[in-house]
Amino acid sequence: MSNSDKAIKTTYFSLLTNFLLALVKWFAGYFGYSHALIADAIESTADIFSSFLVLLGLKYAKRPADHTHPYGHGRIEPLITFIVVIFLIVSAFIIAKESIYNIQNPHEAPRSWTLYVLGAIILWKEICFRVIMRRSKKLNSSSLKADAWHHRSDAITSVAAFVGISIAVIFGEGYESADDWAALLASGLILYNCYGIFRPALAEIMDENRYEELEEEVRQHSLNVAGVELIEKCYIRKIGMLFQIDLHAVVNPNLSVREGHAIAHDLKDYLIANLDNIGNVFVHIEPFEEN
């Protein structure tokens, strides 16, 4: 199974999880009189749409390179990540708006049994975050990473709701709005997490040099190829789940063009075979010059 297929399979898992948990939260929030849980349900509903977008983006990114997209279609991944961040921001503002309204308008205290529902949700969401985040790192998928953070932000809002409902239940009359304050706090935490999702995707779009460890690996592995004296320049960009590498390889200046060309091909094949997630390697041959 290819990395793209693994990422798509992970997204189906995320989509199903978000759908089921959104239903649970809506019902529990409505019948349990918990506005924090309803706010949590709003975010989970947004998560359904964001996971669906991630799924569409991953499927589009699978398309092979063509005449108009010689580097493939992987750039769709960070673009989808931007949209997912927008969903998160909108969710945070909706939660904040509802929380402020409920704080200003007295309402019935939430039911104590909603705490059991939230406890189960928090545990499951944290498991989902860890599973999807581990997969996103393994597959180098920025959109999967954003989807994983959706689960973590969902867990954060659930923790806030748990604390708020606990205060309302324990202290009783006069503390009914505690879960609303918890939901308001959760909206702020969601906005804070948005930056952590947005920044790496922006770096990917802007081709920032953020892969020092991989660059060092490339330089070391390149010296194992016969004829390569040293690597003068090494530029790395990430497109989708794969890395594109531009190298300036220094060779003996007395070699023929044909021999230099063969070394370039050997170097490309060696790096793709021995390093993970390498999409392509472009090798420029430089003559060795003694100073």
Protein backbone atom coordinates (compact mmCIF):
# COMPACT_ATOMS: atom_id res chain seq x y z
CA MET A 1 0.00 0.00 0.00
CA SER A 2 1.40 3.42 -1.00
CA ASN A 3 1.84 6.29 1.44
CA SER A 4 -1.07 8.10 -0.22
CA ASP A 5 -3.34 5.09 0.27
CA LYS A 6 -2.28 4.81 3.93
CA ALA A 7 -3.05 8.51 4.46
CA ILE A 8 -6.46 8.14 2.81
CA LYS A 9 -7.26 5.11 4.95
CA THR A 10 -6.33 7.12 8.06
CA THR A 11 -8.62 9.95 6.96
CA TYR A 12 -11.58 7.56 6.58
CA PHE A 13 -10.99 6.53 10.20
CA SER A 14 -10.90 10.19 11.25
CA LEU A 15 -14.07 11.00 9.29
CA LEU A 16 -16.04 8.16 10.86
CA THR A 17 -14.81 9.07 14.36
CA ASN A 18 -15.81 12.72 13.96
CA PHE A 19 -19.28 11.79 12.68
CA LEU A 20 -20.04 9.41 15.55
CA LEU A 21 -18.69 11.73 18.25
CA ALA A 22 -20.57 14.72 16.86
CA LEU A 23 -23.83 12.76 17.21
CA VAL A 24 -22.99 11.71 20.77
CA LYS A 25 -22.11 15.28 21.76
CA TRP A 26 -25.24 16.83 20.23
CA PHE A 27 -27.54 14.38 22.00
CA ALA A 28 -25.67 14.50 25.32
CA GLY A 29 -25.43 18.29 25.22
CA TYR A 30 -29.11 18.78 24.39
CA PHE A 31 -30.55 16.28 26.87
CA GLY A 32 -27.89 17.00 29.51
CA TYR A 33 -28.39 20.81 29.39
CA SER A 34 -24.68 21.36 28.80
CA HIS A 35 -23.81 24.36 26.61
CA ALA A 36 -20.13 23.46 26.77
CA LEU A 37 -20.92 20.04 25.34
CA ILE A 38 -23.04 21.62 22.61
CA ALA A 39 -20.11 23.93 21.81
CA ASP A 40 -17.94 20.82 21.66
CA ALA A 41 -20.46 19.29 19.25
CA ILE A 42 -20.21 22.35 17.01
CA GLU A 43 -16.47 21.82 16.69
CA SER A 44 -16.90 18.11 15.99
CA THR A 45 -19.39 18.95 13.25
CA ALA A 46 -16.82 21.29 11.69
CA ASP A 47 -14.29 18.47 12.03
CA ILE A 48 -16.47 16.28 9.80
CA PHE A 49 -16.23 18.79 6.96
CA SER A 50 -12.51 19.40 7.50
CA SER A 51 -11.76 15.64 7.47
CA PHE A 52 -13.77 15.38 4.25
CA LEU A 53 -11.66 18.16 2.73
CA VAL A 54 -8.48 16.38 3.84
CA LEU A 55 -9.76 13.22 2.16
CA LEU A 56 -10.45 15.05 -1.12
CA GLY A 57 -7.04 16.74 -0.94
CA LEU A 58 -5.17 13.46 -0.40
CA LYS A 59 -7.00 11.83 -3.29
CA TYR A 60 -6.17 14.75 -5.56
CA ALA A 61 -2.54 14.72 -4.43
CA LYS A 62 -2.28 11.07 -5.55
CA ARG A 63 -2.53 12.09 -9.18
CA PRO A 64 0.72 11.51 -11.06
CA ALA A 65 2.76 14.33 -12.57
CA ASP A 66 1.52 15.54 -15.95
CA HIS A 67 2.32 18.19 -18.55
CA THR A 68 0.80 21.05 -16.55
CA HIS A 69 1.95 19.72 -13.14
CA PRO A 70 5.47 18.32 -13.71
CA TYR A 71 6.14 18.18 -9.95
CA GLY A 72 2.88 16.35 -9.25
CA HIS A 73 -0.19 17.58 -7.36
CA GLY A 74 1.17 17.47 -3.80
CA ARG A 75 0.88 21.22 -3.25
CA ILE A 76 -2.82 20.69 -2.63
CA GLU A 77 -1.93 19.34 0.83
CA PRO A 78 -0.82 22.61 2.47
CA LEU A 79 -3.67 24.43 0.72
CA ILE A 80 -6.14 22.00 2.31
CA THR A 81 -4.37 22.59 5.62
CA PHE A 82 -5.08 26.32 5.29
CA ILE A 83 -8.78 25.57 4.78
CA VAL A 84 -8.80 23.25 7.80
CA VAL A 85 -7.29 26.07 9.89
CA ILE A 86 -10.07 28.38 8.69
CA PHE A 87 -12.63 25.81 9.84
CA LEU A 88 -10.95 25.74 13.24
CA ILE A 89 -10.98 29.52 13.53
CA VAL A 90 -14.66 29.72 12.54
CA SER A 91 -15.49 26.99 15.08
CA ALA A 92 -13.61 28.87 17.81
CA PHE A 93 -15.52 32.10 17.13
CA ILE A 94 -18.89 30.29 17.05
CA ILE A 95 -18.09 28.63 20.38
CA ALA A 96 -16.98 31.95 21.87
CA LYS A 97 -20.13 33.73 20.65
CA GLU A 98 -22.44 31.05 22.08
CA SER A 99 -20.51 30.97 25.34
CA ILE A 100 -20.78 34.75 25.86
CA TYR A 101 -24.52 34.62 25.13
CA ASN A 102 -25.08 31.79 27.62
CA ILE A 103 -23.00 33.52 30.30
CA GLN A 104 -25.24 36.56 30.01
CA ASN A 105 -28.45 34.52 30.08
CA PRO A 106 -29.06 32.28 33.14
CA HIS A 107 -29.89 28.67 32.34
CA GLU A 108 -30.35 25.30 33.98
CA ALA A 109 -27.26 23.54 35.34
CA PRO A 110 -25.88 20.64 33.26
CA ARG A 111 -26.63 17.03 34.24
CA SER A 112 -23.93 15.15 36.13
CA TRP A 113 -24.08 12.12 33.79
CA THR A 114 -22.63 14.24 30.98
CA LEU A 115 -19.28 13.98 32.79
CA TYR A 116 -19.13 10.25 32.00
CA VAL A 117 -19.81 10.99 28.34
CA LEU A 118 -17.07 13.62 28.28
CA GLY A 119 -14.59 11.35 30.04
CA ALA A 120 -15.00 8.72 27.33
CA ILE A 121 -14.80 11.34 24.58
CA ILE A 122 -11.58 12.85 25.96
CA LEU A 123 -9.90 9.44 26.14
CA TRP A 124 -10.97 8.47 22.61
CA LYS A 125 -10.01 11.83 21.08
CA GLU A 126 -6.55 11.70 22.62
CA ILE A 127 -6.07 8.20 21.20
CA CYS A 128 -7.18 9.47 17.78
CA PHE A 129 -4.74 12.39 18.00
CA ARG A 130 -1.79 10.15 18.81
CA VAL A 131 -2.64 7.58 16.12
CA ILE A 132 -3.13 10.15 13.35
CA MET A 133 -0.17 12.32 14.41
CA ARG A 134 2.12 9.28 14.39
CA ARG A 135 0.86 8.39 10.92
CA SER A 136 1.25 11.99 9.68
CA LYS A 137 4.91 12.03 10.76
CA LYS A 138 5.56 8.68 9.15
CA LEU A 139 3.92 9.73 5.88
CA ASN A 140 5.09 13.39 5.92
CA SER A 141 1.54 14.63 5.46
CA SER A 142 0.81 18.21 6.55
CA SER A 143 -2.93 17.79 6.03
CA LEU A 144 -2.99 14.65 8.20
CA LYS A 145 -1.10 16.60 10.85
CA ALA A 146 -3.78 19.31 10.71
CA ASP A 147 -6.46 16.64 11.02
CA ALA A 148 -4.65 15.18 14.03
CA TRP A 149 -4.61 18.60 15.69
CA HIS A 150 -8.34 18.82 15.08
CA HIS A 151 -8.69 15.78 17.35
CA ARG A 152 -6.37 17.34 19.95
CA SER A 153 -8.31 20.64 19.91
CA ASP A 154 -11.52 18.63 20.26
CA ALA A 155 -10.04 16.89 23.29
CA ILE A 156 -9.05 20.28 24.73
CA THR A 157 -12.60 21.63 24.41
CA SER A 158 -13.88 18.43 26.01
CA VAL A 159 -11.47 18.81 28.94
CA ALA A 160 -12.60 22.41 29.39
CA ALA A 161 -16.23 21.29 29.28
CA PHE A 162 -15.49 18.54 31.82
CA VAL A 163 -13.97 21.05 34.24
CA GLY A 164 -16.82 23.52 33.75
CA ILE A 165 -19.56 20.94 34.21
CA SER A 166 -17.78 19.55 37.29
CA ILE A 167 -17.76 23.00 38.88
CA ALA A 168 -21.44 23.56 38.02
CA VAL A 169 -22.44 20.15 39.41
CA ILE A 170 -20.32 20.30 42.58
CA PHE A 171 -21.08 23.88 43.62
CA GLY A 172 -24.68 23.96 42.38
CA GLU A 173 -26.80 27.12 42.24
CA GLY A 174 -24.96 30.21 41.09
CA TYR A 175 -22.34 28.24 39.15
CA GLU A 176 -24.54 27.18 36.21
CA SER A 177 -22.47 29.22 33.76
CA ALA A 178 -19.19 27.50 34.70
CA ASP A 179 -19.38 25.23 31.65
CA ASP A 180 -19.95 28.31 29.45
CA TRP A 181 -16.77 29.89 30.80
CA ALA A 182 -15.01 26.61 30.11
CA ALA A 183 -16.24 26.65 26.52
CA LEU A 184 -15.03 30.25 26.13
CA LEU A 185 -11.59 29.23 27.40
CA ALA A 186 -11.56 26.30 24.98
CA SER A 187 -12.22 28.63 22.04
CA GLY A 188 -9.10 30.59 22.95
CA LEU A 189 -7.02 27.41 23.14
CA ILE A 190 -8.28 26.37 19.71
CA LEU A 191 -7.18 29.69 18.21
CA TYR A 192 -3.77 29.28 19.83
CA ASN A 193 -3.36 25.81 18.27
CA CYS A 194 -4.27 27.17 14.83
CA TYR A 195 -0.87 28.83 14.54
CA GLY A 196 0.92 25.54 15.20
CA ILE A 197 -0.98 23.97 12.31
CA PHE A 198 -0.73 26.93 9.94
CA ARG A 199 3.01 27.70 10.28
CA PRO A 200 4.47 24.41 8.88
CA ALA A 201 2.02 24.45 5.97
CA LEU A 202 3.03 28.03 5.13
CA ALA A 203 6.69 27.00 5.25
CA GLU A 204 5.92 24.19 2.81
CA ILE A 205 4.25 26.57 0.36
CA MET A 206 7.15 29.04 0.66
CA ASP A 207 9.81 26.30 0.23
CA GLU A 208 11.52 27.23 3.50
CA ASN A 209 14.67 25.34 4.43
CA ARG A 210 13.39 23.36 7.43
CA TYR A 211 14.99 19.97 6.74
CA GLU A 212 18.50 20.20 8.18
CA GLU A 213 18.58 16.57 9.36
CA LEU A 214 17.53 15.25 5.96
CA GLU A 215 20.06 17.51 4.25
CA GLU A 216 22.83 16.04 6.42
CA GLU A 217 21.67 12.51 5.55
CA VAL A 218 21.68 13.38 1.84
CA ARG A 219 25.21 14.76 2.04
CA GLN A 220 26.51 11.70 3.89
CA HIS A 221 24.79 9.16 1.65
CA SER A 222 25.95 10.94 -1.51
CA LEU A 223 29.59 10.26 -0.65
CA ASN A 224 28.86 6.51 -0.87
CA VAL A 225 28.34 6.86 -4.62
CA ALA A 226 31.45 6.19 -6.68
CA GLY A 227 32.76 9.34 -8.36
CA VAL A 228 31.15 11.88 -6.01
CA GLU A 229 33.89 13.94 -4.36
CA LEU A 230 31.59 16.14 -2.28
CA ILE A 231 28.22 17.90 -2.30
CA GLU A 232 28.54 21.63 -2.84
CA LYS A 233 24.85 22.62 -2.57
CA CYS A 234 21.80 20.79 -1.34
CA TYR A 235 18.30 22.28 -1.51
CA ILE A 236 15.23 20.42 -0.26
CA ARG A 237 11.57 21.20 -0.77
CA LYS A 238 8.52 19.24 0.32
CA ILE A 239 5.70 18.64 -2.16
CA GLY A 240 2.83 16.66 -0.70
CA MET A 241 4.25 13.72 1.23
CA LEU A 242 7.51 13.53 -0.75
CA PHE A 243 10.74 15.52 -0.81
CA GLN A 244 12.29 16.99 -3.95
CA ILE A 245 16.07 17.42 -3.75
CA ASP A 246 18.36 19.67 -5.83
CA LEU A 247 22.05 18.76 -5.58
CA HIS A 248 25.32 20.15 -6.87
CA ALA A 249 27.67 17.15 -6.90
CA VAL A 250 31.41 17.75 -7.33
CA VAL A 251 33.31 15.22 -9.49
CA ASN A 252 36.72 14.79 -11.14
CA PRO A 253 37.03 17.53 -13.81
CA ASN A 254 38.76 15.11 -16.21
CA LEU A 255 35.67 12.91 -16.57
CA SER A 256 33.76 12.90 -19.85
CA VAL A 257 30.25 14.29 -20.10
CA ARG A 258 28.95 10.71 -20.42
CA GLU A 259 30.76 9.64 -17.23
CA GLY A 260 29.49 12.66 -15.30
CA HIS A 261 25.98 11.93 -16.54
CA ALA A 262 26.26 8.32 -15.32
CA ILE A 263 27.41 9.46 -11.87
CA ALA A 264 24.41 11.82 -11.66
CA HIS A 265 22.03 8.94 -12.42
CA ASP A 266 23.77 6.65 -9.93
CA LEU A 267 23.52 9.35 -7.27
CA LYS A 268 19.82 9.90 -7.92
CA ASP A 269 19.00 6.18 -7.85
CA TYR A 270 21.06 5.62 -4.68
CA LEU A 271 19.37 8.41 -2.72
CA ILE A 272 15.86 7.35 -3.73
CA ALA A 273 16.64 3.74 -2.78
CA ASN A 274 18.25 4.50 0.59
CA LEU A 275 16.27 7.45 1.97
CA ASP A 276 12.58 7.54 2.83
CA ASN A 277 9.96 9.68 1.09
CA ILE A 278 12.18 10.97 -1.72
CA GLY A 279 10.10 11.86 -4.77
CA ASN A 280 12.85 13.00 -7.12
CA VAL A 281 16.47 14.14 -7.14
CA PHE A 282 17.87 16.69 -9.58
CA VAL A 283 21.66 16.49 -9.85
CA HIS A 284 23.90 19.20 -11.26
CA ILE A 285 27.50 18.11 -11.87
CA GLU A 286 30.31 20.48 -10.85
CA PRO A 287 34.06 20.01 -11.66
CA PHE A 288 36.36 19.63 -8.67
CA GLU A 289 38.70 22.61 -8.37
CA GLU A 290 41.57 22.80 -5.90
CA ASN A 291 41.95 26.14 -4.13
